[in-house]
Amino acid sequence: MLGKHYFDIDLDSNYDLYRLPNFGIFCHPVSEAATMVSRIMLFQGQFESIDDFLSYEDSYSIYDDKYDQSLQAEIEKFKKMFLLGIERKTLKAKLIRYTEKEEIDPNRTYINMRKLAVWLDDREIDISGDWWQEYLLNEDDLIDEALKAIKLKRFELENGKHESDGLSFDKQMLILKLRIDELEKEKASLFQGRQKNIETKKIEKPLHTREKNTLLKMIIGMAVEQYGYNPKQARSRASSDIVSDLANCGISVDPDTIRKWLKEASDLLPQDALNEEE
């Protein structure tokens, strides 16, 4: 389940998450990672065929599974992509488990989401933005909770209120210290990464497909009504007139850029919109 609290495990547990660095924070099974990436890309407006399922009355969250059924094809595509990357050793897995058929198990093989984001970016798949930040903030909260849990266990151990776990006192204290150091290092790295993104202004809120279409409708409506633009005419003064009016406002826009957006916006114009003028 996405958003699970990973720190609530015993030091001597055989549970897979214990074998992961920092209690598995930032680490997810391949299947969960594929789901999360699919949700982020949906909310960024990168799946136009599914975009109609979204409602602007909803508040989106990458931990909400309401759109997963519609995303099944995309989730499977990313799952296969990640598994292939692991097989080819281009994507490093933190822990690999196999099925009875000796295939990589997507539900028990873990990858680090921060490393995955870099791997995807190298393949021109961008998941940075508001929803990626939501994920990072959630993991940051998990680090804080994990630190509290470990420090509480250390306090109980120091005061003889915790069972031995089959390990000597010194060894348990060493393990706890290493866990705390690892988590604090991870938290510092996360903070530095976020600061770097803010300073370079890398993170921008993506323009959703429906928002883009709304802007294009506004453009074509004004072009037709105020500038006499007709996309069916071979030549039109509309683009040059728009460039001129923008220049009067101190705004410089290339005529080819105007023509490009008018052409794209024309696809949203109703078929009968120009019938009366014709």
C-alpha atoms as a PDB file:
ATOM      1  CA  MET A   1       0.000   0.000   0.000  1.00  0.00           C
ATOM      2  CA  LEU A   2       1.381   3.384  -0.988  1.00  0.00           C
ATOM      3  CA  GLY A   3       2.275   5.612   1.906  1.00  0.00           C
ATOM      4  CA  LYS A   4       2.937   2.741   4.317  1.00  0.00           C
ATOM      5  CA  HIS A   5       4.888   3.485   7.497  1.00  0.00           C
ATOM      6  CA  TYR A   6       8.023   1.425   7.033  1.00  0.00           C
ATOM      7  CA  PHE A   7       9.749   2.028  10.352  1.00  0.00           C
ATOM      8  CA  ASP A   8       7.488  -0.136  12.511  1.00  0.00           C
ATOM      9  CA  ILE A   9       9.597  -3.317  12.348  1.00  0.00           C
ATOM     10  CA  ASP A  10      11.847  -5.206  14.759  1.00  0.00           C
ATOM     11  CA  LEU A  11      15.607  -5.003  14.448  1.00  0.00           C
ATOM     12  CA  ASP A  12      15.963  -8.785  14.143  1.00  0.00           C
ATOM     13  CA  SER A  13      13.025  -9.219  11.739  1.00  0.00           C
ATOM     14  CA  ASN A  14      13.374 -11.187   8.503  1.00  0.00           C
ATOM     15  CA  TYR A  15      10.841  -8.899   6.849  1.00  0.00           C
ATOM     16  CA  ASP A  16      12.079  -7.659   3.443  1.00  0.00           C
ATOM     17  CA  LEU A  17      11.801  -4.005   4.381  1.00  0.00           C
ATOM     18  CA  TYR A  18      14.321  -4.524   7.175  1.00  0.00           C
ATOM     19  CA  ARG A  19      16.860  -5.486   4.538  1.00  0.00           C
ATOM     20  CA  LEU A  20      16.406  -2.149   2.783  1.00  0.00           C
ATOM     21  CA  PRO A  21      18.404   0.968   3.664  1.00  0.00           C
ATOM     22  CA  ASN A  22      16.702   3.442   6.006  1.00  0.00           C
ATOM     23  CA  PHE A  23      13.771   1.103   6.732  1.00  0.00           C
ATOM     24  CA  GLY A  24      12.712   1.215   3.100  1.00  0.00           C
ATOM     25  CA  ILE A  25      11.956   4.936   3.005  1.00  0.00           C
ATOM     26  CA  PHE A  26      11.934   6.001  -0.683  1.00  0.00           C
ATOM     27  CA  CYS A  27      11.856   2.304  -1.605  1.00  0.00           C
ATOM     28  CA  HIS A  28       8.804   0.694  -3.198  1.00  0.00           C
ATOM     29  CA  PRO A  29       8.006  -2.546  -4.961  1.00  0.00           C
ATOM     30  CA  VAL A  30       8.189  -2.242  -8.749  1.00  0.00           C
ATOM     31  CA  SER A  31       4.402  -2.553  -9.002  1.00  0.00           C
ATOM     32  CA  GLU A  32       3.859   0.356  -6.567  1.00  0.00           C
ATOM     33  CA  ALA A  33       6.486   2.483  -8.285  1.00  0.00           C
ATOM     34  CA  ALA A  34       4.771   1.905 -11.647  1.00  0.00           C
ATOM     35  CA  THR A  35       1.443   2.904 -10.117  1.00  0.00           C
ATOM     36  CA  MET A  36       2.867   6.054  -8.558  1.00  0.00           C
ATOM     37  CA  VAL A  37       4.587   7.159 -11.772  1.00  0.00           C
ATOM     38  CA  SER A  38       1.368   6.556 -13.723  1.00  0.00           C
ATOM     39  CA  ARG A  39      -0.648   8.667 -11.281  1.00  0.00           C
ATOM     40  CA  ILE A  40       1.849  11.514 -11.434  1.00  0.00           C
ATOM     41  CA  MET A  41       1.860  11.523 -15.231  1.00  0.00           C
ATOM     42  CA  LEU A  42      -1.942  11.450 -15.309  1.00  0.00           C
ATOM     43  CA  PHE A  43      -2.166  14.477 -13.040  1.00  0.00           C
ATOM     44  CA  GLN A  44       0.454  16.242 -15.172  1.00  0.00           C
ATOM     45  CA  GLY A  45      -1.838  15.813 -18.184  1.00  0.00           C
ATOM     46  CA  GLN A  46       0.451  13.405 -20.048  1.00  0.00           C
ATOM     47  CA  PHE A  47      -2.246  10.792 -20.742  1.00  0.00           C
ATOM     48  CA  GLU A  48      -4.708  12.633 -22.989  1.00  0.00           C
ATOM     49  CA  SER A  49      -6.802   9.522 -23.629  1.00  0.00           C
ATOM     50  CA  ILE A  50      -7.577   9.305 -19.904  1.00  0.00           C
ATOM     51  CA  ASP A  51      -7.733  13.020 -19.189  1.00  0.00           C
ATOM     52  CA  ASP A  52     -11.530  13.149 -19.427  1.00  0.00           C
ATOM     53  CA  PHE A  53     -11.768  11.002 -16.294  1.00  0.00           C
ATOM     54  CA  LEU A  54     -10.327  13.833 -14.205  1.00  0.00           C
ATOM     55  CA  SER A  55     -12.546  16.372 -12.506  1.00  0.00           C
ATOM     56  CA  TYR A  56     -11.244  19.751 -11.422  1.00  0.00           C
ATOM     57  CA  GLU A  57     -13.540  19.553  -8.429  1.00  0.00           C
ATOM     58  CA  ASP A  58     -11.313  16.788  -7.080  1.00  0.00           C
ATOM     59  CA  SER A  59      -8.157  17.388  -5.090  1.00  0.00           C
ATOM     60  CA  TYR A  60      -5.573  15.034  -6.540  1.00  0.00           C
ATOM     61  CA  SER A  61      -3.156  12.983  -4.487  1.00  0.00           C
ATOM     62  CA  ILE A  62      -0.671  10.374  -5.595  1.00  0.00           C
ATOM     63  CA  TYR A  63      -1.918   8.234  -2.703  1.00  0.00           C
ATOM     64  CA  ASP A  64      -5.471   8.151  -4.103  1.00  0.00           C
ATOM     65  CA  ASP A  65      -6.293   4.990  -6.067  1.00  0.00           C
ATOM     66  CA  LYS A  66      -9.549   6.220  -7.636  1.00  0.00           C
ATOM     67  CA  TYR A  67      -8.051   6.388 -11.158  1.00  0.00           C
ATOM     68  CA  ASP A  68      -5.997   3.191 -11.042  1.00  0.00           C
ATOM     69  CA  GLN A  69      -8.519   1.121 -12.983  1.00  0.00           C
ATOM     70  CA  SER A  70      -8.327   3.580 -15.877  1.00  0.00           C
ATOM     71  CA  LEU A  71      -4.525   3.558 -15.614  1.00  0.00           C
ATOM     72  CA  GLN A  72      -4.036  -0.208 -15.848  1.00  0.00           C
ATOM     73  CA  ALA A  73      -2.457  -0.123 -19.313  1.00  0.00           C
ATOM     74  CA  GLU A  74       0.005   2.598 -18.299  1.00  0.00           C
ATOM     75  CA  ILE A  75       0.820   0.878 -14.998  1.00  0.00           C
ATOM     76  CA  GLU A  76       1.608  -2.362 -16.815  1.00  0.00           C
ATOM     77  CA  LYS A  77       3.745  -0.501 -19.352  1.00  0.00           C
ATOM     78  CA  PHE A  78       5.867   1.100 -16.642  1.00  0.00           C
ATOM     79  CA  LYS A  79       6.055  -2.138 -14.670  1.00  0.00           C
ATOM     80  CA  LYS A  80       7.498  -3.941 -17.704  1.00  0.00           C
ATOM     81  CA  MET A  81       9.863  -1.019 -18.366  1.00  0.00           C
ATOM     82  CA  PHE A  82      11.224  -1.101 -14.809  1.00  0.00           C
ATOM     83  CA  LEU A  83      11.601  -4.876 -14.758  1.00  0.00           C
ATOM     84  CA  LEU A  84      13.471  -4.756 -18.065  1.00  0.00           C
ATOM     85  CA  GLY A  85      15.726  -2.037 -16.683  1.00  0.00           C
ATOM     86  CA  ILE A  86      16.499  -4.207 -13.651  1.00  0.00           C
ATOM     87  CA  GLU A  87      17.211  -7.221 -15.847  1.00  0.00           C
ATOM     88  CA  ARG A  88      19.549  -5.185 -18.048  1.00  0.00           C
ATOM     89  CA  LYS A  89      21.133  -3.607 -14.944  1.00  0.00           C
ATOM     90  CA  THR A  90      20.403  -0.052 -16.101  1.00  0.00           C
ATOM     91  CA  LEU A  91      17.999   0.380 -13.173  1.00  0.00           C
ATOM     92  CA  LYS A  92      19.442  -0.666  -9.837  1.00  0.00           C
ATOM     93  CA  ALA A  93      17.110  -2.520  -7.494  1.00  0.00           C
ATOM     94  CA  LYS A  94      17.580  -2.247  -3.744  1.00  0.00           C
ATOM     95  CA  LEU A  95      16.255  -5.757  -3.213  1.00  0.00           C
ATOM     96  CA  ILE A  96      15.383  -8.428  -5.780  1.00  0.00           C
ATOM     97  CA  ARG A  97      13.006 -11.317  -5.186  1.00  0.00           C
ATOM     98  CA  TYR A  98      11.987 -13.977  -7.689  1.00  0.00           C
ATOM     99  CA  THR A  99       8.770 -15.853  -8.391  1.00  0.00           C
ATOM    100  CA  GLU A 100       8.517 -19.650  -8.528  1.00  0.00           C
ATOM    101  CA  LYS A 101       9.048 -19.319 -12.297  1.00  0.00           C
ATOM    102  CA  GLU A 102      12.393 -17.623 -11.546  1.00  0.00           C
ATOM    103  CA  GLU A 103      11.144 -14.276 -12.861  1.00  0.00           C
ATOM    104  CA  ILE A 104      11.669 -10.995 -11.026  1.00  0.00           C
ATOM    105  CA  ASP A 105       8.736 -10.511  -8.681  1.00  0.00           C
ATOM    106  CA  PRO A 106       7.340  -6.963  -9.189  1.00  0.00           C
ATOM    107  CA  ASN A 107       5.562  -7.103  -5.835  1.00  0.00           C
ATOM    108  CA  ARG A 108       8.639  -7.997  -3.774  1.00  0.00           C
ATOM    109  CA  THR A 109      11.445  -6.335  -5.749  1.00  0.00           C
ATOM    110  CA  TYR A 110      12.186  -2.850  -4.409  1.00  0.00           C
ATOM    111  CA  ILE A 111      13.541   0.224  -6.173  1.00  0.00           C
ATOM    112  CA  ASN A 112      14.405   3.666  -4.790  1.00  0.00           C
ATOM    113  CA  MET A 113      11.976   6.305  -6.116  1.00  0.00           C
ATOM    114  CA  ARG A 114      14.554   9.104  -6.086  1.00  0.00           C
ATOM    115  CA  LYS A 115      16.918   6.976  -8.170  1.00  0.00           C
ATOM    116  CA  LEU A 116      14.014   5.989 -10.399  1.00  0.00           C
ATOM    117  CA  ALA A 117      13.157   9.655 -11.073  1.00  0.00           C
ATOM    118  CA  VAL A 118      16.718  10.228 -12.345  1.00  0.00           C
ATOM    119  CA  TRP A 119      16.548   7.033 -14.435  1.00  0.00           C
ATOM    120  CA  LEU A 120      13.268   8.189 -15.999  1.00  0.00           C
ATOM    121  CA  ASP A 121      14.611  11.687 -16.637  1.00  0.00           C
ATOM    122  CA  ASP A 122      17.518  10.134 -18.572  1.00  0.00           C
ATOM    123  CA  ARG A 123      14.827   8.596 -20.786  1.00  0.00           C
ATOM    124  CA  GLU A 124      13.004  11.917 -21.202  1.00  0.00           C
ATOM    125  CA  ILE A 125      10.197  10.980 -18.832  1.00  0.00           C
ATOM    126  CA  ASP A 126       9.694  13.845 -16.391  1.00  0.00           C
ATOM    127  CA  ILE A 127       7.817  13.254 -13.138  1.00  0.00           C
ATOM    128  CA  SER A 128       9.025  16.386 -11.350  1.00  0.00           C
ATOM    129  CA  GLY A 129       6.375  18.834 -10.229  1.00  0.00           C
ATOM    130  CA  ASP A 130       3.781  19.347  -7.519  1.00  0.00           C
ATOM    131  CA  TRP A 131       2.848  15.677  -7.119  1.00  0.00           C
ATOM    132  CA  TRP A 132       6.462  14.544  -6.963  1.00  0.00           C
ATOM    133  CA  GLN A 133       6.943  17.136  -4.248  1.00  0.00           C
ATOM    134  CA  GLU A 134       3.921  15.670  -2.443  1.00  0.00           C
ATOM    135  CA  TYR A 135       5.685  12.309  -2.452  1.00  0.00           C
ATOM    136  CA  LEU A 136       8.973  13.768  -1.169  1.00  0.00           C
ATOM    137  CA  LEU A 137       7.206  15.628   1.628  1.00  0.00           C
ATOM    138  CA  ASN A 138       5.404  12.447   2.667  1.00  0.00           C
ATOM    139  CA  GLU A 139       8.667  10.510   2.781  1.00  0.00           C
ATOM    140  CA  ASP A 140      10.224  13.345   4.767  1.00  0.00           C
ATOM    141  CA  ASP A 141       7.431  12.924   7.325  1.00  0.00           C
ATOM    142  CA  LEU A 142       8.163   9.193   7.446  1.00  0.00           C
ATOM    143  CA  ILE A 143      11.817   9.922   8.174  1.00  0.00           C
ATOM    144  CA  ASP A 144      10.748  12.084  11.124  1.00  0.00           C
ATOM    145  CA  GLU A 145       8.457   9.332  12.414  1.00  0.00           C
ATOM    146  CA  ALA A 146      11.175   6.717  11.985  1.00  0.00           C
ATOM    147  CA  LEU A 147      13.669   8.869  13.877  1.00  0.00           C
ATOM    148  CA  LYS A 148      11.186   9.316  16.732  1.00  0.00           C
ATOM    149  CA  ALA A 149      10.538   5.562  16.881  1.00  0.00           C
ATOM    150  CA  ILE A 150      14.232   4.681  16.908  1.00  0.00           C
ATOM    151  CA  LYS A 151      15.109   7.297  19.516  1.00  0.00           C
ATOM    152  CA  LEU A 152      12.260   6.045  21.684  1.00  0.00           C
ATOM    153  CA  LYS A 153      13.566   2.498  21.417  1.00  0.00           C
ATOM    154  CA  ARG A 154      17.060   3.736  22.286  1.00  0.00           C
ATOM    155  CA  PHE A 155      15.670   5.526  25.350  1.00  0.00           C
ATOM    156  CA  GLU A 156      13.788   2.399  26.461  1.00  0.00           C
ATOM    157  CA  LEU A 157      16.874   0.277  25.910  1.00  0.00           C
ATOM    158  CA  GLU A 158      19.032   2.641  27.937  1.00  0.00           C
ATOM    159  CA  ASN A 159      16.515   2.517  30.778  1.00  0.00           C
ATOM    160  CA  GLY A 160      16.057  -1.242  30.691  1.00  0.00           C
ATOM    161  CA  LYS A 161      12.486  -1.039  29.416  1.00  0.00           C
ATOM    162  CA  HIS A 162      13.046  -2.916  26.170  1.00  0.00           C
ATOM    163  CA  GLU A 163      13.618  -6.608  25.525  1.00  0.00           C
ATOM    164  CA  SER A 164      17.074  -7.714  24.466  1.00  0.00           C
ATOM    165  CA  ASP A 165      16.016  -8.849  20.950  1.00  0.00           C
ATOM    166  CA  GLY A 166      18.666 -11.575  21.327  1.00  0.00           C
ATOM    167  CA  LEU A 167      21.470  -9.026  20.887  1.00  0.00           C
ATOM    168  CA  SER A 168      23.902  -7.529  23.354  1.00  0.00           C
ATOM    169  CA  PHE A 169      23.185  -4.054  24.703  1.00  0.00           C
ATOM    170  CA  ASP A 170      26.203  -2.549  22.907  1.00  0.00           C
ATOM    171  CA  LYS A 171      25.280  -4.121  19.587  1.00  0.00           C
ATOM    172  CA  GLN A 172      21.709  -2.899  19.806  1.00  0.00           C
ATOM    173  CA  MET A 173      22.885   0.615  20.664  1.00  0.00           C
ATOM    174  CA  LEU A 174      25.297   0.541  17.709  1.00  0.00           C
ATOM    175  CA  ILE A 175      22.538  -0.565  15.337  1.00  0.00           C
ATOM    176  CA  LEU A 176      20.242   2.182  16.583  1.00  0.00           C
ATOM    177  CA  LYS A 177      22.981   4.798  16.210  1.00  0.00           C
ATOM    178  CA  LEU A 178      23.686   3.669  12.641  1.00  0.00           C
ATOM    179  CA  ARG A 179      19.961   3.814  11.822  1.00  0.00           C
ATOM    180  CA  ILE A 180      19.703   7.338  13.209  1.00  0.00           C
ATOM    181  CA  ASP A 181      22.810   8.475  11.298  1.00  0.00           C
ATOM    182  CA  GLU A 182      21.492   6.980   8.045  1.00  0.00           C
ATOM    183  CA  LEU A 183      18.086   8.611   8.386  1.00  0.00           C
ATOM    184  CA  GLU A 184      19.495  12.006   9.309  1.00  0.00           C
ATOM    185  CA  LYS A 185      21.828  11.814   6.313  1.00  0.00           C
ATOM    186  CA  GLU A 186      18.866  10.934   4.064  1.00  0.00           C
ATOM    187  CA  LYS A 187      16.842  13.817   5.476  1.00  0.00           C
ATOM    188  CA  ALA A 188      19.708  16.260   4.881  1.00  0.00           C
ATOM    189  CA  SER A 189      20.089  15.001   1.312  1.00  0.00           C
ATOM    190  CA  LEU A 190      16.371  15.448   0.690  1.00  0.00           C
ATOM    191  CA  PHE A 191      16.448  18.998   2.054  1.00  0.00           C
ATOM    192  CA  GLN A 192      19.460  19.925  -0.087  1.00  0.00           C
ATOM    193  CA  GLY A 193      17.762  18.483  -3.171  1.00  0.00           C
ATOM    194  CA  ARG A 194      14.606  20.498  -2.574  1.00  0.00           C
ATOM    195  CA  GLN A 195      16.618  23.679  -1.991  1.00  0.00           C
ATOM    196  CA  LYS A 196      18.517  23.115  -5.217  1.00  0.00           C
ATOM    197  CA  ASN A 197      15.264  22.688  -7.136  1.00  0.00           C
ATOM    198  CA  ILE A 198      13.893  25.902  -5.637  1.00  0.00           C
ATOM    199  CA  GLU A 199      17.053  27.856  -6.411  1.00  0.00           C
ATOM    200  CA  THR A 200      17.206  26.673 -10.029  1.00  0.00           C
ATOM    201  CA  LYS A 201      13.427  27.034 -10.420  1.00  0.00           C
ATOM    202  CA  LYS A 202      13.353  23.544 -11.857  1.00  0.00           C
ATOM    203  CA  ILE A 203      10.011  22.658 -10.319  1.00  0.00           C
ATOM    204  CA  GLU A 204       7.098  24.252 -12.136  1.00  0.00           C
ATOM    205  CA  LYS A 205       3.452  23.393 -11.963  1.00  0.00           C
ATOM    206  CA  PRO A 206       2.632  21.556 -15.199  1.00  0.00           C
ATOM    207  CA  LEU A 207      -0.115  22.878 -17.465  1.00  0.00           C
ATOM    208  CA  HIS A 208      -2.892  20.296 -17.465  1.00  0.00           C
ATOM    209  CA  THR A 209      -4.322  19.258 -20.861  1.00  0.00           C
ATOM    210  CA  ARG A 210      -7.756  20.591 -20.018  1.00  0.00           C
ATOM    211  CA  GLU A 211      -6.273  23.888 -18.810  1.00  0.00           C
ATOM    212  CA  LYS A 212      -4.298  24.158 -22.036  1.00  0.00           C
ATOM    213  CA  ASN A 213      -7.410  23.508 -24.111  1.00  0.00           C
ATOM    214  CA  THR A 214      -9.276  26.214 -22.208  1.00  0.00           C
ATOM    215  CA  LEU A 215      -6.539  28.723 -23.035  1.00  0.00           C
ATOM    216  CA  LEU A 216      -6.573  27.648 -26.686  1.00  0.00           C
ATOM    217  CA  LYS A 217     -10.348  28.136 -26.826  1.00  0.00           C
ATOM    218  CA  MET A 218      -9.905  31.656 -25.465  1.00  0.00           C
ATOM    219  CA  ILE A 219      -7.246  32.361 -28.109  1.00  0.00           C
ATOM    220  CA  ILE A 220      -9.311  31.106 -31.039  1.00  0.00           C
ATOM    221  CA  GLY A 221     -12.452  32.836 -29.808  1.00  0.00           C
ATOM    222  CA  MET A 222     -10.736  36.224 -29.585  1.00  0.00           C
ATOM    223  CA  ALA A 223      -8.916  35.675 -32.894  1.00  0.00           C
ATOM    224  CA  VAL A 224     -12.164  34.916 -34.736  1.00  0.00           C
ATOM    225  CA  GLU A 225     -14.305  37.628 -33.126  1.00  0.00           C
ATOM    226  CA  GLN A 226     -11.787  40.470 -32.812  1.00  0.00           C
ATOM    227  CA  TYR A 227      -9.346  39.829 -35.654  1.00  0.00           C
ATOM    228  CA  GLY A 228     -11.547  38.149 -38.257  1.00  0.00           C
ATOM    229  CA  TYR A 229      -9.398  35.032 -38.216  1.00  0.00           C
ATOM    230  CA  ASN A 230     -10.651  32.199 -40.417  1.00  0.00           C
ATOM    231  CA  PRO A 231      -8.579  28.989 -40.345  1.00  0.00           C
ATOM    232  CA  LYS A 232     -10.108  27.943 -43.683  1.00  0.00           C
ATOM    233  CA  GLN A 233      -8.567  30.907 -45.495  1.00  0.00           C
ATOM    234  CA  ALA A 234      -5.146  30.392 -47.086  1.00  0.00           C
ATOM    235  CA  ARG A 235      -4.023  33.868 -46.072  1.00  0.00           C
ATOM    236  CA  SER A 236      -5.026  35.946 -43.079  1.00  0.00           C
ATOM    237  CA  ARG A 237      -3.969  39.274 -41.605  1.00  0.00           C
ATOM    238  CA  ALA A 238      -4.999  38.111 -38.158  1.00  0.00           C
ATOM    239  CA  SER A 239      -1.559  36.923 -37.053  1.00  0.00           C
ATOM    240  CA  SER A 240       0.199  40.138 -38.144  1.00  0.00           C
ATOM    241  CA  ASP A 241      -2.525  42.255 -36.511  1.00  0.00           C
ATOM    242  CA  ILE A 242      -2.127  40.312 -33.255  1.00  0.00           C
ATOM    243  CA  VAL A 243       1.654  40.774 -33.387  1.00  0.00           C
ATOM    244  CA  SER A 244       1.166  44.507 -33.953  1.00  0.00           C
ATOM    245  CA  ASP A 245      -1.296  44.903 -31.065  1.00  0.00           C
ATOM    246  CA  LEU A 246       0.988  42.951 -28.743  1.00  0.00           C
ATOM    247  CA  ALA A 247       3.904  45.192 -29.762  1.00  0.00           C
ATOM    248  CA  ASN A 248       1.793  48.234 -28.842  1.00  0.00           C
ATOM    249  CA  CYS A 249       1.557  46.704 -25.350  1.00  0.00           C
ATOM    250  CA  GLY A 250       5.309  46.204 -25.169  1.00  0.00           C
ATOM    251  CA  ILE A 251       5.081  42.461 -25.796  1.00  0.00           C
ATOM    252  CA  SER A 252       7.218  40.866 -28.493  1.00  0.00           C
ATOM    253  CA  VAL A 253       6.004  37.599 -30.033  1.00  0.00           C
ATOM    254  CA  ASP A 254       7.247  35.989 -33.231  1.00  0.00           C
ATOM    255  CA  PRO A 255       4.571  35.831 -36.004  1.00  0.00           C
ATOM    256  CA  ASP A 256       5.336  32.139 -36.591  1.00  0.00           C
ATOM    257  CA  THR A 257       4.549  31.470 -32.912  1.00  0.00           C
ATOM    258  CA  ILE A 258       1.178  33.221 -33.295  1.00  0.00           C
ATOM    259  CA  ARG A 259       0.384  31.183 -36.419  1.00  0.00           C
ATOM    260  CA  LYS A 260       1.421  27.963 -34.687  1.00  0.00           C
ATOM    261  CA  TRP A 261      -0.941  28.492 -31.721  1.00  0.00           C
ATOM    262  CA  LEU A 262      -3.794  29.746 -33.924  1.00  0.00           C
ATOM    263  CA  LYS A 263      -3.472  26.594 -35.999  1.00  0.00           C
ATOM    264  CA  GLU A 264      -3.521  24.367 -32.916  1.00  0.00           C
ATOM    265  CA  ALA A 265      -6.400  26.309 -31.392  1.00  0.00           C
ATOM    266  CA  SER A 266      -8.391  25.956 -34.629  1.00  0.00           C
ATOM    267  CA  ASP A 267      -8.847  22.256 -33.908  1.00  0.00           C
ATOM    268  CA  LEU A 268     -11.048  23.228 -30.951  1.00  0.00           C
ATOM    269  CA  LEU A 269     -13.292  25.482 -33.034  1.00  0.00           C
ATOM    270  CA  PRO A 270     -16.775  23.981 -33.619  1.00  0.00           C
ATOM    271  CA  GLN A 271     -17.353  22.901 -37.231  1.00  0.00           C
ATOM    272  CA  ASP A 272     -20.229  25.312 -37.738  1.00  0.00           C
ATOM    273  CA  ALA A 273     -18.588  28.303 -35.999  1.00  0.00           C
ATOM    274  CA  LEU A 274     -17.758  30.068 -39.298  1.00  0.00           C
ATOM    275  CA  ASN A 275     -20.814  29.003 -41.305  1.00  0.00           C
ATOM    276  CA  GLU A 276     -22.605  32.328 -40.930  1.00  0.00           C
ATOM    277  CA  GLU A 277     -19.584  34.294 -42.118  1.00  0.00           C
ATOM    278  CA  GLU A 278     -19.147  31.985 -45.095  1.00  0.00           C
END
